[in-house]
Amino acid sequence: MPRYFFHIFDREKLTDEDGTTLANREEARAHAITIAGEILRDAGRKFWTGNEWRLLVTDETGANVCRVRFLVDDIALS
């Protein structure tokens, strides 16, 4: 089975050196959403910095599979 790598960009790059073995690209995309949700949940208020947060999924060859991006702005509603 192929190995996929989940790199996180949040002010600095956190490189996934180990990767995760998954059946295919579809499974890698689903896993990316799960990881993103867990990280955002655990970050809580720390996520409200106005910085863009990204998770980039690559395959064993280094080719991009997908990217998950979030940008949160605290906008007061009138």
PDB file of N, CA and C in Angstrom:
ATOM      1  N   MET A   1       0.845  -1.185   0.000  1.00  0.00           N
ATOM      2  CA  MET A   1       0.000   0.000   0.000  1.00  0.00           C
ATOM      3  C   MET A   1       0.889   1.248   0.000  1.00  0.00           C
ATOM      4  N   PRO A   2       0.412   2.299  -0.634  1.00  0.00           N
ATOM      5  CA  PRO A   2       1.204   3.533  -0.692  1.00  0.00           C
ATOM      6  C   PRO A   2       1.261   4.274   0.643  1.00  0.00           C
ATOM      7  N   ARG A   3       2.293   5.081   0.773  1.00  0.00           N
ATOM      8  CA  ARG A   3       2.485   5.898   1.975  1.00  0.00           C
ATOM      9  C   ARG A   3       2.236   7.360   1.602  1.00  0.00           C
ATOM     10  N   TYR A   4       1.506   8.059   2.482  1.00  0.00           N
ATOM     11  CA  TYR A   4       1.181   9.473   2.281  1.00  0.00           C
ATOM     12  C   TYR A   4       1.728  10.278   3.452  1.00  0.00           C
ATOM     13  N   PHE A   5       2.113  11.514   3.155  1.00  0.00           N
ATOM     14  CA  PHE A   5       2.734  12.387   4.147  1.00  0.00           C
ATOM     15  C   PHE A   5       1.861  13.618   4.346  1.00  0.00           C
ATOM     16  N   PHE A   6       1.669  13.999   5.602  1.00  0.00           N
ATOM     17  CA  PHE A   6       0.751  15.073   5.981  1.00  0.00           C
ATOM     18  C   PHE A   6       1.565  16.199   6.632  1.00  0.00           C
ATOM     19  N   HIS A   7       1.919  17.199   5.827  1.00  0.00           N
ATOM     20  CA  HIS A   7       2.759  18.312   6.266  1.00  0.00           C
ATOM     21  C   HIS A   7       1.880  19.478   6.704  1.00  0.00           C
ATOM     22  N   ILE A   8       2.231  20.084   7.822  1.00  0.00           N
ATOM     23  CA  ILE A   8       1.429  21.176   8.380  1.00  0.00           C
ATOM     24  C   ILE A   8       2.220  22.478   8.300  1.00  0.00           C
ATOM     25  N   PHE A   9       1.548  23.524   7.844  1.00  0.00           N
ATOM     26  CA  PHE A   9       2.131  24.864   7.755  1.00  0.00           C
ATOM     27  C   PHE A   9       1.305  25.787   8.641  1.00  0.00           C
ATOM     28  N   ASP A  10       1.912  26.260   9.712  1.00  0.00           N
ATOM     29  CA  ASP A  10       1.259  27.193  10.633  1.00  0.00           C
ATOM     30  C   ASP A  10       2.359  28.072  11.219  1.00  0.00           C
ATOM     31  N   ARG A  11       2.704  29.133  10.526  1.00  0.00           N
ATOM     32  CA  ARG A  11       3.847  29.997  10.846  1.00  0.00           C
ATOM     33  C   ARG A  11       5.165  29.299  10.585  1.00  0.00           C
ATOM     34  N   GLU A  12       5.226  28.020  10.766  1.00  0.00           N
ATOM     35  CA  GLU A  12       6.407  27.227  10.442  1.00  0.00           C
ATOM     36  C   GLU A  12       5.940  25.912   9.847  1.00  0.00           C
ATOM     37  N   LYS A  13       6.838  25.222   9.172  1.00  0.00           N
ATOM     38  CA  LYS A  13       6.487  23.959   8.526  1.00  0.00           C
ATOM     39  C   LYS A  13       6.795  22.800   9.464  1.00  0.00           C
ATOM     40  N   LEU A  14       5.800  21.955   9.678  1.00  0.00           N
ATOM     41  CA  LEU A  14       5.985  20.721  10.440  1.00  0.00           C
ATOM     42  C   LEU A  14       5.937  19.580   9.431  1.00  0.00           C
ATOM     43  N   THR A  15       7.096  19.026   9.133  1.00  0.00           N
ATOM     44  CA  THR A  15       7.206  18.002   8.103  1.00  0.00           C
ATOM     45  C   THR A  15       6.908  16.626   8.672  1.00  0.00           C
ATOM     46  N   ASP A  16       6.057  15.894   7.988  1.00  0.00           N
ATOM     47  CA  ASP A  16       5.744  14.512   8.352  1.00  0.00           C
ATOM     48  C   ASP A  16       6.837  13.631   7.763  1.00  0.00           C
ATOM     49  N   GLU A  17       7.742  13.171   8.593  1.00  0.00           N
ATOM     50  CA  GLU A  17       8.867  12.349   8.144  1.00  0.00           C
ATOM     51  C   GLU A  17       8.484  10.880   7.980  1.00  0.00           C
ATOM     52  N   ASP A  18       7.463  10.434   8.722  1.00  0.00           N
ATOM     53  CA  ASP A  18       7.118   9.012   8.747  1.00  0.00           C
ATOM     54  C   ASP A  18       6.051   8.630   7.732  1.00  0.00           C
ATOM     55  N   GLY A  19       5.062   9.476   7.575  1.00  0.00           N
ATOM     56  CA  GLY A  19       3.964   9.160   6.669  1.00  0.00           C
ATOM     57  C   GLY A  19       3.010   8.140   7.256  1.00  0.00           C
ATOM     58  N   THR A  20       1.948   7.890   6.505  1.00  0.00           N
ATOM     59  CA  THR A  20       0.909   6.946   6.910  1.00  0.00           C
ATOM     60  C   THR A  20       0.572   6.072   5.715  1.00  0.00           C
ATOM     61  N   THR A  21       0.505   4.775   5.927  1.00  0.00           N
ATOM     62  CA  THR A  21       0.151   3.853   4.860  1.00  0.00           C
ATOM     63  C   THR A  21      -1.366   3.815   4.718  1.00  0.00           C
ATOM     64  N   LEU A  22      -1.831   4.124   3.515  1.00  0.00           N
ATOM     65  CA  LEU A  22      -3.268   4.136   3.227  1.00  0.00           C
ATOM     66  C   LEU A  22      -3.504   3.468   1.876  1.00  0.00           C
ATOM     67  N   ALA A  23      -4.720   3.020   1.647  1.00  0.00           N
ATOM     68  CA  ALA A  23      -5.037   2.245   0.449  1.00  0.00           C
ATOM     69  C   ALA A  23      -4.911   3.043  -0.843  1.00  0.00           C
ATOM     70  N   ASN A  24      -5.325   4.325  -0.814  1.00  0.00           N
ATOM     71  CA  ASN A  24      -5.353   5.098  -2.055  1.00  0.00           C
ATOM     72  C   ASN A  24      -5.477   6.595  -1.757  1.00  0.00           C
ATOM     73  N   ARG A  25      -5.530   7.392  -2.828  1.00  0.00           N
ATOM     74  CA  ARG A  25      -5.609   8.853  -2.699  1.00  0.00           C
ATOM     75  C   ARG A  25      -6.893   9.292  -2.008  1.00  0.00           C
ATOM     76  N   GLU A  26      -7.988   8.597  -2.271  1.00  0.00           N
ATOM     77  CA  GLU A  26      -9.260   8.949  -1.640  1.00  0.00           C
ATOM     78  C   GLU A  26      -9.172   8.794  -0.126  1.00  0.00           C
ATOM     79  N   GLU A  27      -8.537   7.717   0.311  1.00  0.00           N
ATOM     80  CA  GLU A  27      -8.350   7.503   1.748  1.00  0.00           C
ATOM     81  C   GLU A  27      -7.430   8.574   2.342  1.00  0.00           C
ATOM     82  N   ALA A  28      -6.425   8.979   1.581  1.00  0.00           N
ATOM     83  CA  ALA A  28      -5.512  10.034   2.047  1.00  0.00           C
ATOM     84  C   ALA A  28      -6.256  11.355   2.204  1.00  0.00           C
ATOM     85  N   ARG A  29      -7.145  11.674   1.265  1.00  0.00           N
ATOM     86  CA  ARG A  29      -7.927  12.911   1.369  1.00  0.00           C
ATOM     87  C   ARG A  29      -8.844  12.867   2.586  1.00  0.00           C
ATOM     88  N   ALA A  30      -9.496  11.741   2.813  1.00  0.00           N
ATOM     89  CA  ALA A  30     -10.379  11.607   3.979  1.00  0.00           C
ATOM     90  C   ALA A  30      -9.573  11.731   5.272  1.00  0.00           C
ATOM     91  N   HIS A  31      -8.389  11.139   5.293  1.00  0.00           N
ATOM     92  CA  HIS A  31      -7.529  11.211   6.476  1.00  0.00           C
ATOM     93  C   HIS A  31      -7.079  12.653   6.728  1.00  0.00           C
ATOM     94  N   ALA A  32      -6.833  13.408   5.667  1.00  0.00           N
ATOM     95  CA  ALA A  32      -6.440  14.815   5.799  1.00  0.00           C
ATOM     96  C   ALA A  32      -7.529  15.618   6.503  1.00  0.00           C
ATOM     97  N   ILE A  33      -8.782  15.377   6.152  1.00  0.00           N
ATOM     98  CA  ILE A  33      -9.897  16.085   6.791  1.00  0.00           C
ATOM     99  C   ILE A  33      -9.983  15.713   8.268  1.00  0.00           C
ATOM    100  N   THR A  34      -9.793  14.438   8.581  1.00  0.00           N
ATOM    101  CA  THR A  34      -9.818  13.987   9.974  1.00  0.00           C
ATOM    102  C   THR A  34      -8.707  14.659  10.777  1.00  0.00           C
ATOM    103  N   ILE A  35      -7.491  14.663  10.234  1.00  0.00           N
ATOM    104  CA  ILE A  35      -6.361  15.292  10.920  1.00  0.00           C
ATOM    105  C   ILE A  35      -6.625  16.777  11.131  1.00  0.00           C
ATOM    106  N   ALA A  36      -7.085  17.458  10.084  1.00  0.00           N
ATOM    107  CA  ALA A  36      -7.355  18.899  10.183  1.00  0.00           C
ATOM    108  C   ALA A  36      -8.379  19.178  11.276  1.00  0.00           C
ATOM    109  N   GLY A  37      -9.442  18.401  11.321  1.00  0.00           N
ATOM    110  CA  GLY A  37     -10.466  18.587  12.345  1.00  0.00           C
ATOM    111  C   GLY A  37      -9.922  18.409  13.748  1.00  0.00           C
ATOM    112  N   GLU A  38      -9.092  17.391  13.941  1.00  0.00           N
ATOM    113  CA  GLU A  38      -8.510  17.142  15.263  1.00  0.00           C
ATOM    114  C   GLU A  38      -7.578  18.278  15.684  1.00  0.00           C
ATOM    115  N   ILE A  39      -6.764  18.753  14.758  1.00  0.00           N
ATOM    116  CA  ILE A  39      -5.830  19.835  15.081  1.00  0.00           C
ATOM    117  C   ILE A  39      -6.581  21.113  15.406  1.00  0.00           C
ATOM    118  N   LEU A  40      -7.579  21.450  14.608  1.00  0.00           N
ATOM    119  CA  LEU A  40      -8.348  22.671  14.850  1.00  0.00           C
ATOM    120  C   LEU A  40      -9.109  22.592  16.165  1.00  0.00           C
ATOM    121  N   ARG A  41      -9.662  21.430  16.461  1.00  0.00           N
ATOM    122  CA  ARG A  41     -10.370  21.252  17.732  1.00  0.00           C
ATOM    123  C   ARG A  41      -9.413  21.439  18.905  1.00  0.00           C
ATOM    124  N   ASP A  42      -8.250  20.834  18.827  1.00  0.00           N
ATOM    125  CA  ASP A  42      -7.284  20.910  19.920  1.00  0.00           C
ATOM    126  C   ASP A  42      -6.656  22.299  20.055  1.00  0.00           C
ATOM    127  N   ALA A  43      -6.585  23.051  18.968  1.00  0.00           N
ATOM    128  CA  ALA A  43      -5.966  24.384  19.001  1.00  0.00           C
ATOM    129  C   ALA A  43      -6.820  25.384  19.761  1.00  0.00           C
ATOM    130  N   GLY A  44      -8.136  25.216  19.715  1.00  0.00           N
ATOM    131  CA  GLY A  44      -9.015  26.134  20.434  1.00  0.00           C
ATOM    132  C   GLY A  44      -8.777  27.577  20.052  1.00  0.00           C
ATOM    133  N   ARG A  45      -8.650  28.430  21.051  1.00  0.00           N
ATOM    134  CA  ARG A  45      -8.473  29.867  20.823  1.00  0.00           C
ATOM    135  C   ARG A  45      -7.159  30.209  20.132  1.00  0.00           C
ATOM    136  N   LYS A  46      -6.171  29.350  20.242  1.00  0.00           N
ATOM    137  CA  LYS A  46      -4.874  29.619  19.617  1.00  0.00           C
ATOM    138  C   LYS A  46      -4.987  29.732  18.098  1.00  0.00           C
ATOM    139  N   PHE A  47      -6.065  29.175  17.544  1.00  0.00           N
ATOM    140  CA  PHE A  47      -6.229  29.212  16.095  1.00  0.00           C
ATOM    141  C   PHE A  47      -6.619  30.596  15.593  1.00  0.00           C
ATOM    142  N   TRP A  48      -7.148  31.444  16.459  1.00  0.00           N
ATOM    143  CA  TRP A  48      -7.642  32.769  16.070  1.00  0.00           C
ATOM    144  C   TRP A  48      -6.516  33.789  15.979  1.00  0.00           C
ATOM    145  N   THR A  49      -5.506  33.504  15.196  1.00  0.00           N
ATOM    146  CA  THR A  49      -4.362  34.404  15.059  1.00  0.00           C
ATOM    147  C   THR A  49      -4.405  35.216  13.777  1.00  0.00           C
ATOM    148  N   GLY A  50      -5.296  34.872  12.862  1.00  0.00           N
ATOM    149  CA  GLY A  50      -5.352  35.551  11.573  1.00  0.00           C
ATOM    150  C   GLY A  50      -4.372  34.995  10.563  1.00  0.00           C
ATOM    151  N   ASN A  51      -3.600  33.996  10.960  1.00  0.00           N
ATOM    152  CA  ASN A  51      -2.664  33.363  10.035  1.00  0.00           C
ATOM    153  C   ASN A  51      -3.353  32.232   9.286  1.00  0.00           C
ATOM    154  N   GLU A  52      -2.901  31.996   8.067  1.00  0.00           N
ATOM    155  CA  GLU A  52      -3.432  30.859   7.318  1.00  0.00           C
ATOM    156  C   GLU A  52      -2.795  29.576   7.844  1.00  0.00           C
ATOM    157  N   TRP A  53      -3.596  28.546   7.937  1.00  0.00           N
ATOM    158  CA  TRP A  53      -3.152  27.226   8.373  1.00  0.00           C
ATOM    159  C   TRP A  53      -3.354  26.288   7.191  1.00  0.00           C
ATOM    160  N   ARG A  54      -2.349  25.456   6.877  1.00  0.00           N
ATOM    161  CA  ARG A  54      -2.457  24.531   5.751  1.00  0.00           C
ATOM    162  C   ARG A  54      -1.969  23.145   6.126  1.00  0.00           C
ATOM    163  N   LEU A  55      -2.587  22.171   5.521  1.00  0.00           N
ATOM    164  CA  LEU A  55      -2.134  20.793   5.608  1.00  0.00           C
ATOM    165  C   LEU A  55      -1.955  20.326   4.168  1.00  0.00           C
ATOM    166  N   LEU A  56      -0.748  19.951   3.810  1.00  0.00           N
ATOM    167  CA  LEU A  56      -0.435  19.493   2.460  1.00  0.00           C
ATOM    168  C   LEU A  56      -0.165  18.000   2.502  1.00  0.00           C
ATOM    169  N   VAL A  57      -0.868  17.263   1.654  1.00  0.00           N
ATOM    170  CA  VAL A  57      -0.675  15.818   1.566  1.00  0.00           C
ATOM    171  C   VAL A  57       0.149  15.525   0.316  1.00  0.00           C
ATOM    172  N   THR A  58       1.229  14.758   0.507  1.00  0.00           N
ATOM    173  CA  THR A  58       2.053  14.330  -0.621  1.00  0.00           C
ATOM    174  C   THR A  58       2.149  12.809  -0.622  1.00  0.00           C
ATOM    175  N   ASP A  59       2.491  12.267  -1.786  1.00  0.00           N
ATOM    176  CA  ASP A  59       2.667  10.816  -1.864  1.00  0.00           C
ATOM    177  C   ASP A  59       4.149  10.469  -1.726  1.00  0.00           C
ATOM    178  N   GLU A  60       4.466   9.204  -1.927  1.00  0.00           N
ATOM    179  CA  GLU A  60       5.843   8.725  -1.743  1.00  0.00           C
ATOM    180  C   GLU A  60       6.836   9.380  -2.696  1.00  0.00           C
ATOM    181  N   THR A  61       6.355   9.852  -3.838  1.00  0.00           N
ATOM    182  CA  THR A  61       7.239  10.495  -4.813  1.00  0.00           C
ATOM    183  C   THR A  61       7.404  11.984  -4.542  1.00  0.00           C
ATOM    184  N   GLY A  62       6.643  12.515  -3.566  1.00  0.00           N
ATOM    185  CA  GLY A  62       6.676  13.938  -3.274  1.00  0.00           C
ATOM    186  C   GLY A  62       5.634  14.733  -4.035  1.00  0.00           C
ATOM    187  N   ALA A  63       4.830  14.055  -4.847  1.00  0.00           N
ATOM    188  CA  ALA A  63       3.775  14.735  -5.605  1.00  0.00           C
ATOM    189  C   ALA A  63       2.639  15.147  -4.674  1.00  0.00           C
ATOM    190  N   ASN A  64       2.090  16.331  -4.911  1.00  0.00           N
ATOM    191  CA  ASN A  64       0.965  16.812  -4.107  1.00  0.00           C
ATOM    192  C   ASN A  64      -0.285  15.996  -4.401  1.00  0.00           C
ATOM    193  N   VAL A  65      -0.989  15.619  -3.337  1.00  0.00           N
ATOM    194  CA  VAL A  65      -2.245  14.879  -3.452  1.00  0.00           C
ATOM    195  C   VAL A  65      -3.421  15.821  -3.215  1.00  0.00           C
ATOM    196  N   CYS A  66      -3.352  16.591  -2.128  1.00  0.00           N
ATOM    197  CA  CYS A  66      -4.399  17.566  -1.828  1.00  0.00           C
ATOM    198  C   CYS A  66      -3.879  18.543  -0.786  1.00  0.00           C
ATOM    199  N   ARG A  67      -4.652  19.613  -0.603  1.00  0.00           N
ATOM    200  CA  ARG A  67      -4.287  20.630   0.381  1.00  0.00           C
ATOM    201  C   ARG A  67      -5.557  21.062   1.093  1.00  0.00           C
ATOM    202  N   VAL A  68      -5.463  21.189   2.419  1.00  0.00           N
ATOM    203  CA  VAL A  68      -6.565  21.702   3.239  1.00  0.00           C
ATOM    204  C   VAL A  68      -6.082  23.033   3.800  1.00  0.00           C
ATOM    205  N   ARG A  69      -6.885  24.094   3.604  1.00  0.00           N
ATOM    206  CA  ARG A  69      -6.483  25.433   4.064  1.00  0.00           C
ATOM    207  C   ARG A  69      -7.580  26.055   4.911  1.00  0.00           C
ATOM    208  N   PHE A  70      -7.135  26.772   5.959  1.00  0.00           N
ATOM    209  CA  PHE A  70      -8.057  27.531   6.801  1.00  0.00           C
ATOM    210  C   PHE A  70      -7.459  28.901   7.055  1.00  0.00           C
ATOM    211  N   LEU A  71      -8.309  29.912   7.019  1.00  0.00           N
ATOM    212  CA  LEU A  71      -7.940  31.256   7.425  1.00  0.00           C
ATOM    213  C   LEU A  71      -9.102  31.783   8.237  1.00  0.00           C
ATOM    214  N   VAL A  72      -8.842  32.116   9.486  1.00  0.00           N
ATOM    215  CA  VAL A  72      -9.903  32.572  10.381  1.00  0.00           C
ATOM    216  C   VAL A  72      -9.680  34.039  10.696  1.00  0.00           C
ATOM    217  N   ASP A  73     -10.708  34.847  10.474  1.00  0.00           N
ATOM    218  CA  ASP A  73     -10.690  36.262  10.837  1.00  0.00           C
ATOM    219  C   ASP A  73     -11.797  36.500  11.846  1.00  0.00           C
ATOM    220  N   ASP A  74     -11.487  37.203  12.911  1.00  0.00           N
ATOM    221  CA  ASP A  74     -12.478  37.540  13.926  1.00  0.00           C
ATOM    222  C   ASP A  74     -13.133  38.860  13.520  1.00  0.00           C
ATOM    223  N   ILE A  75     -14.314  38.771  12.953  1.00  0.00           N
ATOM    224  CA  ILE A  75     -15.016  39.949  12.449  1.00  0.00           C
ATOM    225  C   ILE A  75     -16.242  40.197  13.319  1.00  0.00           C
ATOM    226  N   ALA A  76     -16.303  41.387  13.912  1.00  0.00           N
ATOM    227  CA  ALA A  76     -17.462  41.744  14.746  1.00  0.00           C
ATOM    228  C   ALA A  76     -18.656  42.031  13.837  1.00  0.00           C
ATOM    229  N   LEU A  77     -19.770  41.413  14.149  1.00  0.00           N
ATOM    230  CA  LEU A  77     -20.990  41.635  13.374  1.00  0.00           C
ATOM    231  C   LEU A  77     -21.789  42.764  13.993  1.00  0.00           C
ATOM    232  N   SER A  78     -22.364  43.663  13.152  1.00  0.00           N
ATOM    233  CA  SER A  78     -23.172  44.762  13.685  1.00  0.00           C
ATOM    234  C   SER A  78     -24.635  44.409  13.662  1.00  0.00           C
TER     235      SER A  78
END
